[in-house]
């Protein structure tokens, strides 16, 4: 593995967070994050944002609203 540097880590942070990189790139960026406080802070911000959005998307609409929307879609 090779420390990929801040430029690559920051440029590919979004893909890293979603595990959309090759195993080698994931490992290289993880190695960099382990040793770089600035990049690991950005990683933590991105991870926190993803977790918050995932939790917010788990809410269900009230039954009345849901039924109303479904009825309008069927019309």
PDB file of N, CA and C in Angstrom:
ATOM      1  N   UNK A   1       0.838  -1.187   0.000  1.00  0.00           N
ATOM      2  CA  UNK A   1       0.000   0.000   0.000  1.00  0.00           C
ATOM      3  C   UNK A   1       0.878   1.243   0.000  1.00  0.00           C
ATOM      4  N   UNK A   2       0.304   2.308  -0.512  1.00  0.00           N
ATOM      5  CA  UNK A   2       1.026   3.567  -0.601  1.00  0.00           C
ATOM      6  C   UNK A   2       0.123   4.686  -0.122  1.00  0.00           C
ATOM      7  N   UNK A   3       0.689   5.574   0.698  1.00  0.00           N
ATOM      8  CA  UNK A   3      -0.083   6.750   1.110  1.00  0.00           C
ATOM      9  C   UNK A   3      -0.366   7.565  -0.140  1.00  0.00           C
ATOM     10  N   UNK A   4      -1.628   7.749  -0.440  1.00  0.00           N
ATOM     11  CA  UNK A   4      -2.027   8.391  -1.698  1.00  0.00           C
ATOM     12  C   UNK A   4      -1.905   9.914  -1.647  1.00  0.00           C
ATOM     13  N   UNK A   5      -1.800  10.499  -0.467  1.00  0.00           N
ATOM     14  CA  UNK A   5      -1.701  11.942  -0.336  1.00  0.00           C
ATOM     15  C   UNK A   5      -3.064  12.614  -0.186  1.00  0.00           C
ATOM     16  N   UNK A   6      -3.039  13.838   0.285  1.00  0.00           N
ATOM     17  CA  UNK A   6      -4.266  14.585   0.568  1.00  0.00           C
ATOM     18  C   UNK A   6      -5.087  14.866  -0.691  1.00  0.00           C
ATOM     19  N   UNK A   7      -4.418  15.205  -1.793  1.00  0.00           N
ATOM     20  CA  UNK A   7      -5.170  15.553  -3.002  1.00  0.00           C
ATOM     21  C   UNK A   7      -6.067  14.406  -3.454  1.00  0.00           C
ATOM     22  N   UNK A   8      -5.506  13.210  -3.546  1.00  0.00           N
ATOM     23  CA  UNK A   8      -6.302  12.065  -3.983  1.00  0.00           C
ATOM     24  C   UNK A   8      -7.359  11.713  -2.938  1.00  0.00           C
ATOM     25  N   UNK A   9      -6.988  11.721  -1.677  1.00  0.00           N
ATOM     26  CA  UNK A   9      -7.938  11.357  -0.616  1.00  0.00           C
ATOM     27  C   UNK A   9      -9.144  12.290  -0.625  1.00  0.00           C
ATOM     28  N   UNK A  10      -8.900  13.573  -0.771  1.00  0.00           N
ATOM     29  CA  UNK A  10     -10.007  14.536  -0.775  1.00  0.00           C
ATOM     30  C   UNK A  10     -10.810  14.460  -2.067  1.00  0.00           C
ATOM     31  N   UNK A  11     -10.141  14.237  -3.185  1.00  0.00           N
ATOM     32  CA  UNK A  11     -10.836  14.166  -4.470  1.00  0.00           C
ATOM     33  C   UNK A  11     -11.748  12.946  -4.544  1.00  0.00           C
ATOM     34  N   UNK A  12     -11.366  11.869  -3.874  1.00  0.00           N
ATOM     35  CA  UNK A  12     -12.125  10.622  -3.958  1.00  0.00           C
ATOM     36  C   UNK A  12     -12.858  10.279  -2.661  1.00  0.00           C
ATOM     37  N   UNK A  13     -13.014  11.269  -1.790  1.00  0.00           N
ATOM     38  CA  UNK A  13     -13.644  11.024  -0.495  1.00  0.00           C
ATOM     39  C   UNK A  13     -15.077  10.524  -0.634  1.00  0.00           C
ATOM     40  N   UNK A  14     -15.843  11.123  -1.521  1.00  0.00           N
ATOM     41  CA  UNK A  14     -17.241  10.714  -1.703  1.00  0.00           C
ATOM     42  C   UNK A  14     -17.320   9.256  -2.148  1.00  0.00           C
ATOM     43  N   UNK A  15     -16.499   8.889  -3.118  1.00  0.00           N
ATOM     44  CA  UNK A  15     -16.473   7.505  -3.590  1.00  0.00           C
ATOM     45  C   UNK A  15     -15.995   6.566  -2.486  1.00  0.00           C
ATOM     46  N   UNK A  16     -15.034   7.024  -1.692  1.00  0.00           N
ATOM     47  CA  UNK A  16     -14.536   6.225  -0.572  1.00  0.00           C
ATOM     48  C   UNK A  16     -15.659   5.958   0.430  1.00  0.00           C
ATOM     49  N   UNK A  17     -16.410   6.998   0.754  1.00  0.00           N
ATOM     50  CA  UNK A  17     -17.491   6.862   1.729  1.00  0.00           C
ATOM     51  C   UNK A  17     -18.555   5.863   1.262  1.00  0.00           C
ATOM     52  N   UNK A  18     -18.766   5.786  -0.042  1.00  0.00           N
ATOM     53  CA  UNK A  18     -19.779   4.886  -0.596  1.00  0.00           C
ATOM     54  C   UNK A  18     -19.178   3.567  -1.088  1.00  0.00           C
ATOM     55  N   UNK A  19     -17.883   3.383  -0.825  1.00  0.00           N
ATOM     56  CA  UNK A  19     -17.169   2.152  -1.211  1.00  0.00           C
ATOM     57  C   UNK A  19     -17.294   1.885  -2.711  1.00  0.00           C
ATOM     58  N   UNK A  20     -17.084   2.933  -3.500  1.00  0.00           N
ATOM     59  CA  UNK A  20     -17.192   2.850  -4.954  1.00  0.00           C
ATOM     60  C   UNK A  20     -15.824   2.861  -5.627  1.00  0.00           C
ATOM     61  N   UNK A  21     -14.797   2.452  -4.908  1.00  0.00           N
ATOM     62  CA  UNK A  21     -13.436   2.419  -5.428  1.00  0.00           C
ATOM     63  C   UNK A  21     -12.924   0.980  -5.426  1.00  0.00           C
ATOM     64  N   UNK A  22     -11.840   0.775  -6.127  1.00  0.00           N
ATOM     65  CA  UNK A  22     -11.209  -0.544  -6.099  1.00  0.00           C
ATOM     66  C   UNK A  22     -10.706  -0.828  -4.682  1.00  0.00           C
ATOM     67  N   UNK A  23     -10.496  -2.092  -4.398  1.00  0.00           N
ATOM     68  CA  UNK A  23      -9.989  -2.465  -3.068  1.00  0.00           C
ATOM     69  C   UNK A  23      -8.647  -1.788  -2.784  1.00  0.00           C
ATOM     70  N   UNK A  24      -7.794  -1.683  -3.804  1.00  0.00           N
ATOM     71  CA  UNK A  24      -6.485  -1.048  -3.626  1.00  0.00           C
ATOM     72  C   UNK A  24      -6.635   0.433  -3.303  1.00  0.00           C
ATOM     73  N   UNK A  25      -7.512   1.139  -4.030  1.00  0.00           N
ATOM     74  CA  UNK A  25      -7.730   2.565  -3.754  1.00  0.00           C
ATOM     75  C   UNK A  25      -8.352   2.767  -2.382  1.00  0.00           C
ATOM     76  N   UNK A  26      -9.295   1.902  -2.005  1.00  0.00           N
ATOM     77  CA  UNK A  26      -9.883   1.993  -0.665  1.00  0.00           C
ATOM     78  C   UNK A  26      -8.804   1.848   0.407  1.00  0.00           C
ATOM     79  N   UNK A  27      -7.927   0.865   0.218  1.00  0.00           N
ATOM     80  CA  UNK A  27      -6.854   0.626   1.191  1.00  0.00           C
ATOM     81  C   UNK A  27      -5.882   1.799   1.240  1.00  0.00           C
ATOM     82  N   UNK A  28      -5.528   2.341   0.071  1.00  0.00           N
ATOM     83  CA  UNK A  28      -4.594   3.468   0.032  1.00  0.00           C
ATOM     84  C   UNK A  28      -5.179   4.695   0.730  1.00  0.00           C
ATOM     85  N   UNK A  29      -6.439   4.981   0.466  1.00  0.00           N
ATOM     86  CA  UNK A  29      -7.071   6.148   1.089  1.00  0.00           C
ATOM     87  C   UNK A  29      -7.235   5.915   2.587  1.00  0.00           C
ATOM     88  N   UNK A  30      -7.609   4.701   2.989  1.00  0.00           N
ATOM     89  CA  UNK A  30      -7.734   4.411   4.420  1.00  0.00           C
ATOM     90  C   UNK A  30      -6.397   4.595   5.127  1.00  0.00           C
ATOM     91  N   UNK A  31      -5.324   4.140   4.490  1.00  0.00           N
ATOM     92  CA  UNK A  31      -3.994   4.320   5.071  1.00  0.00           C
ATOM     93  C   UNK A  31      -3.690   5.807   5.244  1.00  0.00           C
ATOM     94  N   UNK A  32      -4.049   6.606   4.247  1.00  0.00           N
ATOM     95  CA  UNK A  32      -3.818   8.042   4.351  1.00  0.00           C
ATOM     96  C   UNK A  32      -4.658   8.644   5.478  1.00  0.00           C
ATOM     97  N   UNK A  33      -5.926   8.266   5.542  1.00  0.00           N
ATOM     98  CA  UNK A  33      -6.804   8.802   6.583  1.00  0.00           C
ATOM     99  C   UNK A  33      -6.293   8.463   7.980  1.00  0.00           C
ATOM    100  N   UNK A  34      -5.718   7.285   8.122  1.00  0.00           N
ATOM    101  CA  UNK A  34      -5.192   6.862   9.423  1.00  0.00           C
ATOM    102  C   UNK A  34      -4.067   7.761   9.919  1.00  0.00           C
ATOM    103  N   UNK A  35      -3.373   8.429   8.990  1.00  0.00           N
ATOM    104  CA  UNK A  35      -2.240   9.245   9.397  1.00  0.00           C
ATOM    105  C   UNK A  35      -2.402  10.737   9.172  1.00  0.00           C
ATOM    106  N   UNK A  36      -3.535  11.160   8.628  1.00  0.00           N
ATOM    107  CA  UNK A  36      -3.719  12.582   8.308  1.00  0.00           C
ATOM    108  C   UNK A  36      -4.938  13.123   9.057  1.00  0.00           C
ATOM    109  N   UNK A  37      -4.693  13.984  10.008  1.00  0.00           N
ATOM    110  CA  UNK A  37      -5.772  14.530  10.830  1.00  0.00           C
ATOM    111  C   UNK A  37      -6.744  15.370  10.000  1.00  0.00           C
ATOM    112  N   UNK A  38      -6.232  16.173   9.079  1.00  0.00           N
ATOM    113  CA  UNK A  38      -7.097  17.030   8.259  1.00  0.00           C
ATOM    114  C   UNK A  38      -8.061  16.194   7.413  1.00  0.00           C
ATOM    115  N   UNK A  39      -7.539  15.200   6.723  1.00  0.00           N
ATOM    116  CA  UNK A  39      -8.386  14.367   5.862  1.00  0.00           C
ATOM    117  C   UNK A  39      -9.320  13.491   6.686  1.00  0.00           C
ATOM    118  N   UNK A  40      -8.845  12.999   7.827  1.00  0.00           N
ATOM    119  CA  UNK A  40      -9.722  12.154   8.650  1.00  0.00           C
ATOM    120  C   UNK A  40     -10.867  12.976   9.239  1.00  0.00           C
ATOM    121  N   UNK A  41     -10.638  14.277   9.474  1.00  0.00           N
ATOM    122  CA  UNK A  41     -11.710  15.156   9.933  1.00  0.00           C
ATOM    123  C   UNK A  41     -12.756  15.334   8.826  1.00  0.00           C
ATOM    124  N   UNK A  42     -12.300  15.527   7.593  1.00  0.00           N
ATOM    125  CA  UNK A  42     -13.241  15.634   6.467  1.00  0.00           C
ATOM    126  C   UNK A  42     -14.013  14.335   6.293  1.00  0.00           C
ATOM    127  N   UNK A  43     -13.332  13.216   6.469  1.00  0.00           N
ATOM    128  CA  UNK A  43     -13.983  11.909   6.371  1.00  0.00           C
ATOM    129  C   UNK A  43     -15.076  11.782   7.432  1.00  0.00           C
ATOM    130  N   UNK A  44     -14.790  12.208   8.635  1.00  0.00           N
ATOM    131  CA  UNK A  44     -15.764  12.135   9.720  1.00  0.00           C
ATOM    132  C   UNK A  44     -16.982  13.012   9.423  1.00  0.00           C
ATOM    133  N   UNK A  45     -16.770  14.190   8.864  1.00  0.00           N
ATOM    134  CA  UNK A  45     -17.880  15.073   8.495  1.00  0.00           C
ATOM    135  C   UNK A  45     -18.748  14.383   7.439  1.00  0.00           C
ATOM    136  N   UNK A  46     -18.124  13.827   6.428  1.00  0.00           N
ATOM    137  CA  UNK A  46     -18.869  13.140   5.377  1.00  0.00           C
ATOM    138  C   UNK A  46     -19.635  11.941   5.910  1.00  0.00           C
ATOM    139  N   UNK A  47     -18.999  11.174   6.763  1.00  0.00           N
ATOM    140  CA  UNK A  47     -19.640  10.000   7.357  1.00  0.00           C
ATOM    141  C   UNK A  47     -20.832  10.404   8.217  1.00  0.00           C
ATOM    142  N   UNK A  48     -20.678  11.448   8.999  1.00  0.00           N
ATOM    143  CA  UNK A  48     -21.765  11.943   9.844  1.00  0.00           C
ATOM    144  C   UNK A  48     -22.936  12.415   8.989  1.00  0.00           C
ATOM    145  N   UNK A  49     -22.651  13.118   7.917  1.00  0.00           N
ATOM    146  CA  UNK A  49     -23.705  13.591   7.020  1.00  0.00           C
ATOM    147  C   UNK A  49     -24.475  12.417   6.406  1.00  0.00           C
ATOM    148  N   UNK A  50     -23.769  11.410   5.943  1.00  0.00           N
ATOM    149  CA  UNK A  50     -24.423  10.228   5.363  1.00  0.00           C
ATOM    150  C   UNK A  50     -25.318   9.556   6.393  1.00  0.00           C
ATOM    151  N   UNK A  51     -24.824   9.403   7.609  1.00  0.00           N
ATOM    152  CA  UNK A  51     -25.614   8.749   8.660  1.00  0.00           C
ATOM    153  C   UNK A  51     -26.865   9.552   8.994  1.00  0.00           C
ATOM    154  N   UNK A  52     -26.743  10.876   9.062  1.00  0.00           N
ATOM    155  CA  UNK A  52     -27.904  11.735   9.359  1.00  0.00           C
ATOM    156  C   UNK A  52     -28.953  11.623   8.251  1.00  0.00           C
ATOM    157  N   UNK A  53     -28.518  11.645   7.004  1.00  0.00           N
ATOM    158  CA  UNK A  53     -29.450  11.544   5.878  1.00  0.00           C
ATOM    159  C   UNK A  53     -30.128  10.175   5.887  1.00  0.00           C
ATOM    160  N   UNK A  54     -29.369   9.119   6.152  1.00  0.00           N
ATOM    161  CA  UNK A  54     -29.965   7.779   6.204  1.00  0.00           C
ATOM    162  C   UNK A  54     -31.031   7.691   7.289  1.00  0.00           C
ATOM    163  N   UNK A  55     -30.757   8.262   8.454  1.00  0.00           N
ATOM    164  CA  UNK A  55     -31.750   8.234   9.538  1.00  0.00           C
ATOM    165  C   UNK A  55     -32.981   9.057   9.163  1.00  0.00           C
ATOM    166  N   UNK A  56     -32.773  10.202   8.543  1.00  0.00           N
ATOM    167  CA  UNK A  56     -33.896  11.056   8.170  1.00  0.00           C
ATOM    168  C   UNK A  56     -34.766  10.390   7.106  1.00  0.00           C
ATOM    169  N   UNK A  57     -34.174   9.595   6.264  1.00  0.00           N
ATOM    170  CA  UNK A  57     -34.921   8.940   5.180  1.00  0.00           C
ATOM    171  C   UNK A  57     -35.693   7.718   5.660  1.00  0.00           C
ATOM    172  N   UNK A  58     -35.555   7.361   6.902  1.00  0.00           N
ATOM    173  CA  UNK A  58     -36.265   6.199   7.428  1.00  0.00           C
ATOM    174  C   UNK A  58     -37.634   6.581   7.980  1.00  0.00           C
ATOM    175  N   UNK A  59     -37.911   7.866   8.068  1.00  0.00           N
ATOM    176  CA  UNK A  59     -39.205   8.297   8.578  1.00  0.00           C
ATOM    177  C   UNK A  59     -40.303   7.952   7.585  1.00  0.00           C
ATOM    178  N   UNK A  60     -41.466   7.600   8.089  1.00  0.00           N
ATOM    179  CA  UNK A  60     -42.609   7.298   7.241  1.00  0.00           C
ATOM    180  C   UNK A  60     -43.607   8.448   7.305  1.00  0.00           C
ATOM    181  N   UNK A  61     -44.249   8.674   6.186  1.00  0.00           N
ATOM    182  CA  UNK A  61     -45.304   9.685   6.142  1.00  0.00           C
ATOM    183  C   UNK A  61     -46.496   9.177   6.957  1.00  0.00           C
ATOM    184  N   UNK A  62     -47.265  10.078   7.562  1.00  0.00           N
ATOM    185  CA  UNK A  62     -48.477   9.662   8.270  1.00  0.00           C
ATOM    186  C   UNK A  62     -49.398   8.904   7.306  1.00  0.00           C
ATOM    187  N   UNK A  63     -50.159   7.968   7.842  1.00  0.00           N
ATOM    188  CA  UNK A  63     -51.017   7.115   7.021  1.00  0.00           C
ATOM    189  C   UNK A  63     -51.975   7.914   6.140  1.00  0.00           C
ATOM    190  N   UNK A  64     -52.580   8.976   6.689  1.00  0.00           N
ATOM    191  CA  UNK A  64     -53.517   9.789   5.907  1.00  0.00           C
ATOM    192  C   UNK A  64     -52.833  10.444   4.713  1.00  0.00           C
ATOM    193  N   UNK A  65     -51.661  11.008   4.928  1.00  0.00           N
ATOM    194  CA  UNK A  65     -50.915  11.649   3.849  1.00  0.00           C
ATOM    195  C   UNK A  65     -50.514  10.618   2.798  1.00  0.00           C
ATOM    196  N   UNK A  66     -50.028   9.503   3.251  1.00  0.00           N
ATOM    197  CA  UNK A  66     -49.623   8.431   2.347  1.00  0.00           C
ATOM    198  C   UNK A  66     -50.796   7.971   1.482  1.00  0.00           C
ATOM    199  N   UNK A  67     -51.940   7.740   2.102  1.00  0.00           N
ATOM    200  CA  UNK A  67     -53.142   7.299   1.374  1.00  0.00           C
ATOM    201  C   UNK A  67     -53.574   8.359   0.364  1.00  0.00           C
ATOM    202  N   UNK A  68     -53.506   9.622   0.755  1.00  0.00           N
ATOM    203  CA  UNK A  68     -53.894  10.708  -0.141  1.00  0.00           C
ATOM    204  C   UNK A  68     -52.982  10.768  -1.361  1.00  0.00           C
ATOM    205  N   UNK A  69     -51.697  10.652  -1.139  1.00  0.00           N
ATOM    206  CA  UNK A  69     -50.745  10.698  -2.255  1.00  0.00           C
ATOM    207  C   UNK A  69     -50.941   9.496  -3.181  1.00  0.00           C
ATOM    208  N   UNK A  70     -51.094   8.318  -2.596  1.00  0.00           N
ATOM    209  CA  UNK A  70     -51.300   7.125  -3.416  1.00  0.00           C
ATOM    210  C   UNK A  70     -52.589   7.219  -4.232  1.00  0.00           C
ATOM    211  N   UNK A  71     -53.627   7.788  -3.631  1.00  0.00           N
ATOM    212  CA  UNK A  71     -54.896   7.949  -4.351  1.00  0.00           C
ATOM    213  C   UNK A  71     -54.743   8.901  -5.522  1.00  0.00           C
ATOM    214  N   UNK A  72     -54.003   9.971  -5.332  1.00  0.00           N
ATOM    215  CA  UNK A  72     -53.779  10.926  -6.418  1.00  0.00           C
ATOM    216  C   UNK A  72     -52.912  10.327  -7.519  1.00  0.00           C
ATOM    217  N   UNK A  73     -51.983   9.479  -7.145  1.00  0.00           N
ATOM    218  CA  UNK A  73     -51.153   8.819  -8.159  1.00  0.00           C
ATOM    219  C   UNK A  73     -51.959   7.836  -8.984  1.00  0.00           C
ATOM    220  N   UNK A  74     -52.929   7.190  -8.356  1.00  0.00           N
ATOM    221  CA  UNK A  74     -53.775   6.223  -9.053  1.00  0.00           C
ATOM    222  C   UNK A  74     -54.773   6.922  -9.989  1.00  0.00           C
ATOM    223  N   UNK A  75     -55.099   8.176  -9.691  1.00  0.00           N
ATOM    224  CA  UNK A  75     -56.114   8.897 -10.493  1.00  0.00           C
ATOM    225  C   UNK A  75     -55.587   9.307 -11.846  1.00  0.00           C
TER     226      UNK A  75
END
